[in-house]
Amino acid sequence: MTRPATRETVAQIIRECRTRRGINQKDLAKRIRVTPATVSNYETGRASVSSEMLFKIMTALDYMVVFRPVETESKKYYRKIKQEAKDAK
């Protein structure tokens, strides 16, 4: 099972992708229309990044983003109950 990314993990990914592309925080900030301080806050984990902003950042850095739904405990429970009902037949 894949775990949801933490704020720190997202911060590391943003910084690594930006530096791999050779773009500084100021230039990224211009591309996504935020302040350089906001980019810094994203990269240090001091600010949360919405899925929309993460998409915007990665698009500006020319990376493809794929969002996958996270399986919740209730979905697992439902799936288990459904399987048990099938097995009982």
Protein backbone atom coordinates (compact mmCIF):
# COMPACT_ATOMS: atom_id res chain seq x y z
CA MET A 1 0.00 0.00 0.00
CA THR A 2 1.27 3.46 -0.88
CA ARG A 3 1.20 5.99 1.91
CA PRO A 4 0.17 9.60 1.35
CA ALA A 5 3.11 11.95 1.07
CA THR A 6 3.96 14.01 4.12
CA ARG A 7 4.56 17.74 3.99
CA GLU A 8 8.30 17.08 4.39
CA THR A 9 8.33 14.56 1.54
CA VAL A 10 6.52 16.97 -0.79
CA ALA A 11 8.98 19.71 0.22
CA GLN A 12 11.95 17.49 -0.65
CA ILE A 13 10.42 16.52 -3.99
CA ILE A 14 9.79 20.15 -4.97
CA ARG A 15 13.33 21.22 -4.06
CA GLU A 16 14.94 18.26 -5.81
CA CYS A 17 12.91 18.75 -9.00
CA ARG A 18 13.65 22.47 -9.05
CA THR A 19 17.39 22.01 -8.56
CA ARG A 20 17.54 19.24 -11.17
CA ARG A 21 16.10 21.68 -13.69
CA GLY A 22 18.64 24.35 -12.67
CA ILE A 23 15.94 26.84 -11.68
CA ASN A 24 16.27 29.09 -8.65
CA GLN A 25 13.44 29.84 -6.24
CA LYS A 26 12.93 33.33 -7.64
CA ASP A 27 12.41 32.05 -11.19
CA LEU A 28 10.06 29.30 -10.04
CA ALA A 29 8.10 31.86 -8.03
CA LYS A 30 7.64 33.98 -11.15
CA ARG A 31 6.46 30.97 -13.15
CA ILE A 32 3.81 29.99 -10.61
CA ARG A 33 2.95 33.58 -9.60
CA VAL A 34 3.88 33.45 -5.93
CA THR A 35 6.64 35.12 -3.91
CA PRO A 36 10.09 33.54 -3.54
CA ALA A 37 9.33 33.32 0.19
CA THR A 38 6.31 31.13 -0.59
CA VAL A 39 8.47 28.78 -2.68
CA SER A 40 10.95 28.65 0.20
CA ASN A 41 8.12 27.81 2.62
CA TYR A 42 6.96 24.99 0.34
CA GLU A 43 10.49 23.60 0.08
CA THR A 44 11.13 23.67 3.81
CA GLY A 45 7.75 22.24 4.75
CA ARG A 46 6.68 25.40 6.60
CA ALA A 47 3.68 25.67 4.28
CA SER A 48 1.37 23.00 2.92
CA VAL A 49 1.06 22.62 -0.83
CA SER A 50 -2.41 22.02 -2.27
CA SER A 51 -2.76 19.44 -5.02
CA GLU A 52 -3.54 22.28 -7.44
CA MET A 53 -0.37 24.16 -6.48
CA LEU A 54 1.73 20.99 -6.66
CA PHE A 55 0.41 20.41 -10.17
CA LYS A 56 1.23 24.02 -11.07
CA ILE A 57 4.77 23.72 -9.64
CA MET A 58 5.53 20.45 -11.38
CA THR A 59 4.11 21.70 -14.66
CA ALA A 60 6.29 24.82 -14.40
CA LEU A 61 9.29 22.52 -13.85
CA ASP A 62 8.26 20.35 -16.82
CA TYR A 63 7.46 17.24 -14.78
CA MET A 64 4.39 15.06 -15.21
CA VAL A 65 2.19 14.61 -12.14
CA VAL A 66 -0.10 11.65 -11.53
CA PHE A 67 -2.49 11.73 -8.61
CA ARG A 68 -3.73 8.39 -7.31
CA PRO A 69 -6.57 7.92 -4.85
CA VAL A 70 -5.56 6.64 -1.45
CA GLU A 71 -7.40 3.58 -0.22
CA THR A 72 -9.16 4.39 3.03
CA GLU A 73 -9.86 2.03 5.88
CA SER A 74 -13.59 2.13 5.12
CA LYS A 75 -12.95 1.03 1.53
CA LYS A 76 -10.80 -1.85 2.79
CA TYR A 77 -13.51 -2.87 5.25
CA TYR A 78 -16.20 -2.73 2.54
CA ARG A 79 -14.04 -4.81 0.22
CA LYS A 80 -13.43 -7.39 2.98
CA ILE A 81 -17.15 -7.68 3.79
CA LYS A 82 -17.99 -8.02 0.10
CA GLN A 83 -15.39 -10.78 -0.31
CA GLU A 84 -16.68 -12.62 2.78
CA ALA A 85 -20.22 -12.49 1.33
CA LYS A 86 -18.95 -13.99 -1.95
CA ASP A 87 -17.05 -16.71 -0.10
CA ALA A 88 -20.15 -17.62 1.93
CA LYS A 89 -22.16 -18.42 -1.23
